Structure formats: structure tokens, C-alpha cells
Amino acid sequence: MRKLRHIVTYVALLLTFFGAKAQEEIVYDQYYFNYYLVNPAVAGAERCSHLMITGKFQWVGVEDAPMTQTLSFRTRVLSNVGIGAYLYNDKNGYSLRQGGQATFAYHIPLSENTGYFMKDRSIERQLSFGVSAKVNHYGFTDDLINEENSTDPTIANGGTDKGFYFNANAGTYFLYDNFFAGLSATNLIPTELKELGADEPIRPLTLFLFLGYDIVLDKTMDLEPSLMFKMDENDQRQLDLHLKFMQTLPDNEDFSYWLQVMYRHSLDAGNGQSLAFTPMGGIRYKGFHLAYAYTLGLTDFQRHNSGSHEVMLGYSWCITKRFCR
């Protein structure tokens, strides 16, 4: 009962934050490969150091479809300190964006056996906080600037073909035995871009909440249901539901695999609808990770293309042999 009370209290505290305003930014849907992309408190939260490359190729079959790539690293450097960083490149039609962030996180153990230098190196109970500073560059491809359509209002009426803006993210991450949860906010500093002229809206605040529970089936198999809730300032709301199965081979602890499905649904007032269904899977051999996800869009527009493909390649080095989330 005490364990359940701790979990319920933490979830209640997280939900109170959703009275704040939020809005949308570039979101890396590869978060299910790497929660650090949406929550800086994840940096150094585990006994594993992670180096990861992800790539997403959306709306395959559509000309100038969006593509996003990320390179990230996160690790624990001191008893209670974690650091992380990522770089990204995003292309959407004529629009180009590049940027990155640097992260500092602090981890507070909630039980005696979660200290970094304890003999039992697995983390069972911990509360983490993280902040990130980020810089972003935006611009347009040479095709837009050089073509005749570069005289349209995008550039001709006060817009620019490139520029920088700075912002910050913050988050908290909670581990309690097999339960985990995180709350984060991106774009804490309101920023107005001029890439589309004077009418371009201020850059938004977006909130992310994820919850999950690791169900241990036996010594080699786990089942992990989880969810991700996103809300922005325009009251656009989105819910992702996940179910993940993980297994380490009984006769070979160096090899494990996982299979997962995700269902995405819009919770917008008056416009709730199914958005996407994503099956995915991955393998781990020693410290190497490889994963793939295919997203089938469920909206009318998305049905006219062959979906989106995502790949992840990573390497982890861990103090413990416990499977790294």
C-alpha cells in the first residue's frame, strides 16, 4: 500500500502541471527509442551510457516529404549528476532546421541501494530533474530562394532565409521499482520567428507526460505497457498508447530483443480521431542496439502515402547487465 501511495501521489502532482499553457514545436517521434529527446531529466538516470543515431522518413511517396535525423549522447558522470546532448537535422519541403541541446540533470536516490557506488548497481527508486539549453537554426533550401516562387510573401514580405533562436527545456523523471514516469516542458522562453514575416506565431511551450510499468513475466521476459500524453497551448492534445515485450535469451545474456506496438489518437476538442498505428522492434547484442519502426497513418491524407519509416542505431555501455530501457 505504501508503494502504491507513493506512485499515486507522484502522478497527481504531475497532472496538476497540465493547467499550464502549451503549444507545438518540432517533436521527434523517435522518443520511444529515446525518452531523452523529450525529457532532459532522463540524462544519466540509468547506469548505462548511450550513444544513439535515429532517422525518420515521413510520408514516403510524397515529394519533399519531411525527414529528421538525430544524434544523442547521455551518461552519468558523478554520483548524482547526469549530462547529455543531442544534435538534429530536419527538412520539410523547402524548410530546413538544425540545432542541438546540452543537458544537466540531478538524480536523487529514494532508497539505500540506489547509490551510484553501491554493490547493487541497479536503480530501483530515484527522482530526477533536468534542464537543457538549446540553439536552433532555421532556413530555406536553395531551391526556394533561387526559384521564381521565392518572390512570394515567405521571403519577399519581410521574411528571412535563415536565422537562429535559443530556448530551454526542463523535466522531471521518477523511478519507483518497476514504475516510471516523466513530465517535461519544451520552449520555456517565448520566441518569435521571422521566417514567415510579421505574421509568424510565437514559438510554443509543449508539455509531455509519460507513464509506464515493467511487468516481470519471468527472469528473461518483461511486458511494459506505457502511455505518452502531449498538450499544447492551442489545446491540441495527443495520446500514445504503447505495449512492449522484451526478452533476453536464456542461454545468451548478451542478446535480447523487443517488440512493441503504438496507437496514436488525437484528443482535440471536437476533432478527436485516430492518427497512427506503429509496430516496431529491436535487437541488442552486447552493447549494440538496432531498431526499426513503421508508422501507418490513419488520417485521410496519410492513407495516400506508404507511411513513415524510422531507424535507430545505438551503443550502450553499462555498469549493470540489467536491460537498459
Protein backbone atom coordinates (compact mmCIF):
# COMPACT_ATOMS: atom_id res chain seq x y z
CA MET A 1 0.00 0.00 0.00
CA ARG A 2 2.87 2.38 0.78
CA LYS A 3 4.38 1.78 -2.67
CA LEU A 4 1.02 2.43 -4.36
CA ARG A 5 0.54 5.61 -2.32
CA HIS A 6 3.94 6.97 -3.46
CA ILE A 7 3.06 6.29 -7.10
CA VAL A 8 -0.42 7.84 -6.90
CA THR A 9 0.97 10.93 -5.14
CA TYR A 10 3.59 11.49 -7.84
CA VAL A 11 1.10 11.05 -10.69
CA ALA A 12 -1.28 13.52 -9.03
CA LEU A 13 1.49 16.10 -8.74
CA LEU A 14 2.35 15.67 -12.41
CA LEU A 15 -1.21 16.13 -13.55
CA THR A 16 -1.55 19.46 -11.74
CA PHE A 17 1.02 20.93 -14.11
CA PHE A 18 -1.30 20.45 -17.07
CA GLY A 19 -3.26 23.57 -16.18
CA ALA A 20 -0.34 25.49 -17.74
CA LYS A 21 -0.39 26.68 -21.33
CA ALA A 22 1.42 24.80 -24.07
CA GLN A 23 1.99 24.86 -27.80
CA GLU A 24 3.72 22.86 -30.51
CA GLU A 25 7.29 22.64 -31.76
CA ILE A 26 9.32 20.22 -33.81
CA VAL A 27 8.74 16.94 -32.00
CA TYR A 28 10.93 13.91 -32.51
CA ASP A 29 8.61 10.97 -32.59
CA GLN A 30 11.60 8.73 -32.01
CA TYR A 31 11.04 9.31 -28.27
CA TYR A 32 10.05 5.65 -27.93
CA PHE A 33 13.64 4.84 -28.89
CA ASN A 34 15.00 7.56 -26.62
CA TYR A 35 12.97 9.37 -23.93
CA TYR A 36 15.82 11.85 -23.56
CA LEU A 37 14.65 13.57 -26.77
CA VAL A 38 11.57 14.86 -24.91
CA ASN A 39 12.76 14.91 -21.28
CA PRO A 40 16.19 16.22 -20.14
CA ALA A 41 15.86 14.53 -16.72
CA VAL A 42 16.47 11.17 -18.42
CA ALA A 43 20.14 12.10 -18.99
CA GLY A 44 22.20 9.92 -16.66
CA ALA A 45 19.15 8.39 -14.99
CA GLU A 46 20.41 4.85 -15.67
CA ARG A 47 23.68 3.01 -15.11
CA CYS A 48 24.11 2.93 -18.88
CA SER A 49 25.77 5.46 -21.14
CA HIS A 50 24.03 5.76 -24.50
CA LEU A 51 25.18 6.94 -27.92
CA MET A 52 22.32 6.88 -30.41
CA ILE A 53 21.51 7.85 -34.00
CA THR A 54 17.90 7.99 -35.19
CA GLY A 55 16.33 8.79 -38.52
CA LYS A 56 12.72 9.34 -39.50
CA PHE A 57 11.45 9.44 -43.09
CA GLN A 58 7.81 10.54 -43.22
CA TRP A 59 5.11 10.25 -45.88
CA VAL A 60 7.13 8.01 -48.17
CA GLY A 61 5.90 8.52 -51.72
CA VAL A 62 5.22 12.26 -51.26
CA GLU A 63 7.63 14.71 -52.91
CA ASP A 64 9.75 16.75 -50.45
CA ALA A 65 8.38 14.72 -47.54
CA PRO A 66 9.73 15.51 -44.04
CA MET A 67 12.94 13.86 -42.85
CA THR A 68 14.54 14.14 -39.41
CA GLN A 69 17.83 12.81 -38.05
CA THR A 70 19.19 13.00 -34.50
CA LEU A 71 22.49 12.16 -32.80
CA SER A 72 22.37 11.95 -29.00
CA PHE A 73 24.54 11.02 -26.02
CA ARG A 74 23.70 10.75 -22.31
CA THR A 75 25.57 9.42 -19.30
CA ARG A 76 26.09 9.60 -15.51
CA VAL A 77 29.30 11.45 -14.67
CA LEU A 78 29.18 11.76 -10.87
CA SER A 79 27.31 10.08 -8.06
CA ASN A 80 24.19 12.20 -8.64
CA VAL A 81 24.90 14.11 -11.86
CA GLY A 82 23.97 13.26 -15.42
CA ILE A 83 24.76 15.06 -18.66
CA GLY A 84 23.53 14.74 -22.22
CA ALA A 85 23.49 16.39 -25.61
CA TYR A 86 21.87 15.96 -28.99
CA LEU A 87 22.07 17.38 -32.49
CA TYR A 88 19.28 17.25 -35.05
CA ASN A 89 18.67 17.97 -38.71
CA ASP A 90 15.14 18.42 -40.06
CA LYS A 91 13.97 19.00 -43.63
CA ASN A 92 10.33 19.60 -44.51
CA GLY A 93 9.81 20.64 -48.12
CA TYR A 94 11.69 23.93 -48.60
CA SER A 95 12.15 24.40 -44.85
CA LEU A 96 15.40 23.43 -43.12
CA ARG A 97 16.12 23.30 -39.39
CA GLN A 98 19.22 22.25 -37.49
CA GLY A 99 20.05 22.55 -33.85
CA GLY A 100 21.06 20.93 -30.63
CA GLN A 101 20.87 21.00 -26.88
CA ALA A 102 23.12 20.44 -23.86
CA THR A 103 21.68 18.99 -20.66
CA PHE A 104 22.42 18.90 -16.95
CA ALA A 105 20.46 16.50 -14.71
CA TYR A 106 20.50 15.77 -10.99
CA HIS A 107 19.35 12.44 -9.57
CA ILE A 108 18.13 11.91 -6.01
CA PRO A 109 18.14 8.30 -4.71
CA LEU A 110 14.99 7.34 -2.82
CA SER A 111 16.31 4.12 -1.28
CA GLU A 112 19.61 3.00 0.18
CA ASN A 113 20.53 0.62 -2.66
CA THR A 114 20.29 3.17 -5.48
CA GLY A 115 23.55 5.00 -4.75
CA TYR A 116 25.94 5.11 -7.68
CA PHE A 117 28.76 3.33 -5.84
CA MET A 118 26.64 0.65 -4.15
CA LYS A 119 27.40 -3.02 -4.89
CA ASP A 120 23.89 -3.42 -6.28
CA ARG A 121 24.17 -1.10 -9.27
CA SER A 122 20.56 -1.43 -10.50
CA ILE A 123 18.44 1.68 -9.92
CA GLU A 124 15.13 0.96 -8.22
CA ARG A 125 13.90 4.25 -6.75
CA GLN A 126 15.01 7.66 -7.91
CA LEU A 127 13.73 11.19 -8.55
CA SER A 128 15.49 13.16 -11.29
CA PHE A 129 15.44 16.76 -12.51
CA GLY A 130 16.96 18.08 -15.72
CA VAL A 131 17.36 21.31 -17.67
CA SER A 132 18.57 21.89 -21.22
CA ALA A 133 19.76 24.89 -23.18
CA LYS A 134 19.22 24.62 -26.91
CA VAL A 135 20.01 26.51 -30.08
CA ASN A 136 18.15 26.16 -33.36
CA HIS A 137 18.90 27.34 -36.88
CA TYR A 138 16.17 27.71 -39.48
CA GLY A 139 16.31 28.47 -43.17
CA PHE A 140 15.16 27.54 -46.64
CA THR A 141 16.67 25.38 -49.33
CA ASP A 142 18.41 27.00 -52.29
CA ASP A 143 15.58 25.67 -54.47
CA LEU A 144 13.11 28.07 -52.84
CA ILE A 145 15.44 31.07 -52.77
CA ASN A 146 16.55 30.69 -56.37
CA GLU A 147 13.26 29.73 -57.98
CA GLU A 148 10.66 32.20 -59.24
CA ASN A 149 8.41 31.38 -56.32
CA SER A 150 10.93 32.99 -53.97
CA THR A 151 9.05 36.25 -54.67
CA ASP A 152 6.09 35.00 -52.64
CA PRO A 153 5.43 36.51 -49.18
CA THR A 154 7.56 33.89 -47.45
CA ILE A 155 10.72 35.85 -48.32
CA ALA A 156 9.57 38.99 -50.12
CA ASN A 157 7.42 40.42 -47.31
CA GLY A 158 9.91 40.77 -44.51
CA GLY A 159 10.89 37.14 -44.02
CA THR A 160 14.46 35.98 -44.00
CA ASP A 161 16.06 32.90 -45.47
CA LYS A 162 17.87 31.91 -42.27
CA GLY A 163 18.31 32.72 -38.59
CA PHE A 164 18.96 31.42 -35.07
CA TYR A 165 16.90 31.26 -31.92
CA PHE A 166 17.62 29.99 -28.41
CA ASN A 167 15.42 28.27 -25.87
CA ALA A 168 15.30 25.96 -22.86
CA ASN A 169 13.64 22.74 -21.73
CA ALA A 170 13.06 21.27 -18.27
CA GLY A 171 11.78 17.99 -16.93
CA THR A 172 11.43 15.55 -14.06
CA TYR A 173 11.74 11.76 -14.14
CA PHE A 174 10.62 9.32 -11.46
CA LEU A 175 11.52 5.65 -10.91
CA TYR A 176 9.87 3.55 -8.23
CA ASP A 177 10.61 -0.16 -8.53
CA ASN A 178 9.00 -1.14 -11.85
CA PHE A 179 7.03 2.08 -12.31
CA PHE A 180 8.42 5.06 -14.24
CA ALA A 181 7.04 8.49 -15.14
CA GLY A 182 8.25 11.73 -16.62
CA LEU A 183 6.96 15.26 -17.13
CA SER A 184 8.74 17.80 -19.32
CA ALA A 185 8.19 21.20 -20.92
CA THR A 186 9.88 22.42 -24.09
CA ASN A 187 10.34 26.01 -25.35
CA LEU A 188 10.17 27.68 -21.95
CA ILE A 189 11.23 31.03 -23.47
CA PRO A 190 8.62 32.52 -25.87
CA THR A 191 10.35 33.18 -29.19
CA GLU A 192 9.06 34.90 -32.31
CA LEU A 193 10.50 33.78 -35.64
CA LYS A 194 10.63 35.98 -38.72
CA GLU A 195 10.97 33.23 -41.28
CA LEU A 196 7.41 33.79 -42.49
CA GLY A 197 7.30 37.54 -41.97
CA ALA A 198 5.48 39.53 -39.29
CA ASP A 199 2.60 37.07 -39.02
CA GLU A 200 4.73 34.15 -37.82
CA PRO A 201 3.42 33.00 -34.39
CA ILE A 202 5.50 32.93 -31.23
CA ARG A 203 7.37 29.69 -30.64
CA PRO A 204 5.42 27.47 -28.28
CA LEU A 205 5.57 25.67 -24.96
CA THR A 206 4.71 21.97 -25.21
CA LEU A 207 4.15 19.59 -22.31
CA PHE A 208 4.88 15.85 -22.36
CA LEU A 209 3.82 13.28 -19.78
CA PHE A 210 4.79 9.62 -19.99
CA LEU A 211 3.93 6.77 -17.62
CA GLY A 212 4.81 3.09 -17.71
CA TYR A 213 5.13 -0.10 -15.69
CA ASP A 214 7.53 -3.00 -16.23
CA ILE A 215 5.75 -6.31 -15.61
CA VAL A 216 8.31 -9.06 -14.97
CA LEU A 217 6.96 -12.27 -16.52
CA ASP A 218 10.00 -14.36 -15.56
CA LYS A 219 13.78 -13.98 -15.34
CA THR A 220 14.12 -13.36 -19.08
CA MET A 221 10.83 -11.76 -20.19
CA ASP A 222 9.16 -8.42 -19.44
CA LEU A 223 5.94 -6.78 -20.58
CA GLU A 224 5.77 -2.98 -20.43
CA PRO A 225 2.53 -1.01 -21.00
CA SER A 226 3.04 2.75 -21.21
CA LEU A 227 1.49 5.97 -22.46
CA MET A 228 2.61 9.39 -23.67
CA PHE A 229 0.35 12.44 -23.39
CA LYS A 230 1.15 15.68 -25.18
CA MET A 231 -0.67 19.02 -24.87
CA ASP A 232 -0.03 22.42 -26.40
CA GLU A 233 -1.20 26.00 -25.99
CA ASN A 234 -3.79 25.69 -28.73
CA ASP A 235 -5.38 22.95 -26.61
CA GLN A 236 -4.23 20.33 -29.09
CA ARG A 237 -3.94 17.05 -27.23
CA GLN A 238 -2.48 13.76 -28.30
CA LEU A 239 -2.32 10.37 -26.59
CA ASP A 240 0.01 7.49 -27.48
CA LEU A 241 -0.63 4.03 -26.03
CA HIS A 242 2.22 1.50 -26.05
CA LEU A 243 2.67 -2.17 -25.30
CA LYS A 244 6.22 -3.55 -25.31
CA PHE A 245 7.51 -7.11 -24.94
CA MET A 246 11.20 -7.70 -24.07
CA GLN A 247 13.16 -10.93 -23.80
CA THR A 248 16.78 -11.82 -23.07
CA LEU A 249 17.75 -15.24 -24.42
CA PRO A 250 18.00 -17.71 -21.52
CA ASP A 251 21.24 -19.24 -22.81
CA ASN A 252 22.82 -15.97 -24.02
CA GLU A 253 22.54 -12.85 -21.83
CA ASP A 254 24.40 -10.84 -24.46
CA PHE A 255 21.42 -10.99 -26.86
CA SER A 256 17.93 -9.60 -26.31
CA TYR A 257 15.08 -8.41 -28.48
CA TRP A 258 11.91 -6.39 -28.07
CA LEU A 259 8.63 -5.95 -29.94
CA GLN A 260 6.25 -3.03 -29.47
CA VAL A 261 3.06 -1.53 -30.84
CA MET A 262 1.84 2.07 -30.51
CA TYR A 263 -1.59 3.55 -31.17
CA ARG A 264 -1.86 7.34 -31.50
CA HIS A 265 -5.11 9.24 -31.02
CA SER A 266 -5.96 12.94 -31.16
CA LEU A 267 -7.90 14.27 -28.16
CA ASP A 268 -8.58 17.70 -29.69
CA ALA A 269 -11.95 19.11 -28.69
CA GLY A 270 -14.42 18.45 -31.49
CA ASN A 271 -11.80 16.74 -33.66
CA GLY A 272 -10.80 13.56 -31.87
CA GLN A 273 -9.63 10.91 -34.31
CA SER A 274 -7.24 8.03 -34.80
CA LEU A 275 -3.89 9.31 -36.09
CA ALA A 276 -1.47 6.42 -36.46
CA PHE A 277 -0.58 2.82 -35.68
CA THR A 278 3.10 1.90 -35.30
CA PRO A 279 4.58 -1.59 -34.96
CA MET A 280 8.28 -1.63 -34.09
CA GLY A 281 11.02 -3.90 -32.88
CA GLY A 282 14.67 -4.02 -31.99
CA ILE A 283 17.59 -6.21 -31.02
CA ARG A 284 20.56 -5.83 -28.68
CA TYR A 285 23.82 -7.71 -28.93
CA LYS A 286 26.15 -6.86 -26.08
CA GLY A 287 26.21 -3.04 -26.24
CA PHE A 288 24.91 -2.61 -29.79
CA HIS A 289 21.28 -1.72 -30.50
CA LEU A 290 19.34 -1.74 -33.76
CA ALA A 291 15.64 -0.90 -34.08
CA TYR A 292 13.04 -0.18 -36.76
CA ALA A 293 9.53 1.29 -36.66
CA TYR A 294 6.88 1.64 -39.35
CA THR A 295 4.08 4.16 -38.88
CA LEU A 296 0.82 3.68 -40.73
CA GLY A 297 -1.11 6.94 -40.82
CA LEU A 298 -4.85 6.66 -40.22
CA THR A 299 -5.98 10.12 -41.38
CA ASP A 300 -7.38 10.71 -44.88
CA PHE A 301 -4.18 12.41 -46.09
CA GLN A 302 -1.87 9.78 -44.64
CA ARG A 303 -3.73 6.97 -46.37
CA HIS A 304 -2.46 8.33 -49.71
CA ASN A 305 1.20 7.58 -48.91
CA SER A 306 3.11 4.49 -47.87
CA GLY A 307 3.69 5.55 -44.28
CA SER A 308 6.78 6.57 -42.33
CA HIS A 309 9.95 4.64 -41.56
CA GLU A 310 12.20 5.12 -38.54
CA VAL A 311 15.54 3.50 -37.75
CA MET A 312 17.76 3.61 -34.68
CA LEU A 313 21.37 2.55 -34.25
CA GLY A 314 22.95 2.81 -30.83
CA TYR A 315 25.68 1.67 -28.50
CA SER A 316 25.42 1.41 -24.70
CA TRP A 317 28.00 0.58 -22.09
CA CYS A 318 26.56 -0.33 -18.72
CA ILE A 319 27.79 -0.91 -15.21
CA THR A 320 24.99 -3.42 -14.72
CA LYS A 321 23.87 -6.21 -17.03
CA ARG A 322 20.26 -5.21 -16.46
CA PHE A 323 18.44 -4.47 -19.71
CA CYS A 324 18.66 -0.74 -20.45
CA ARG A 325 15.38 0.95 -21.29
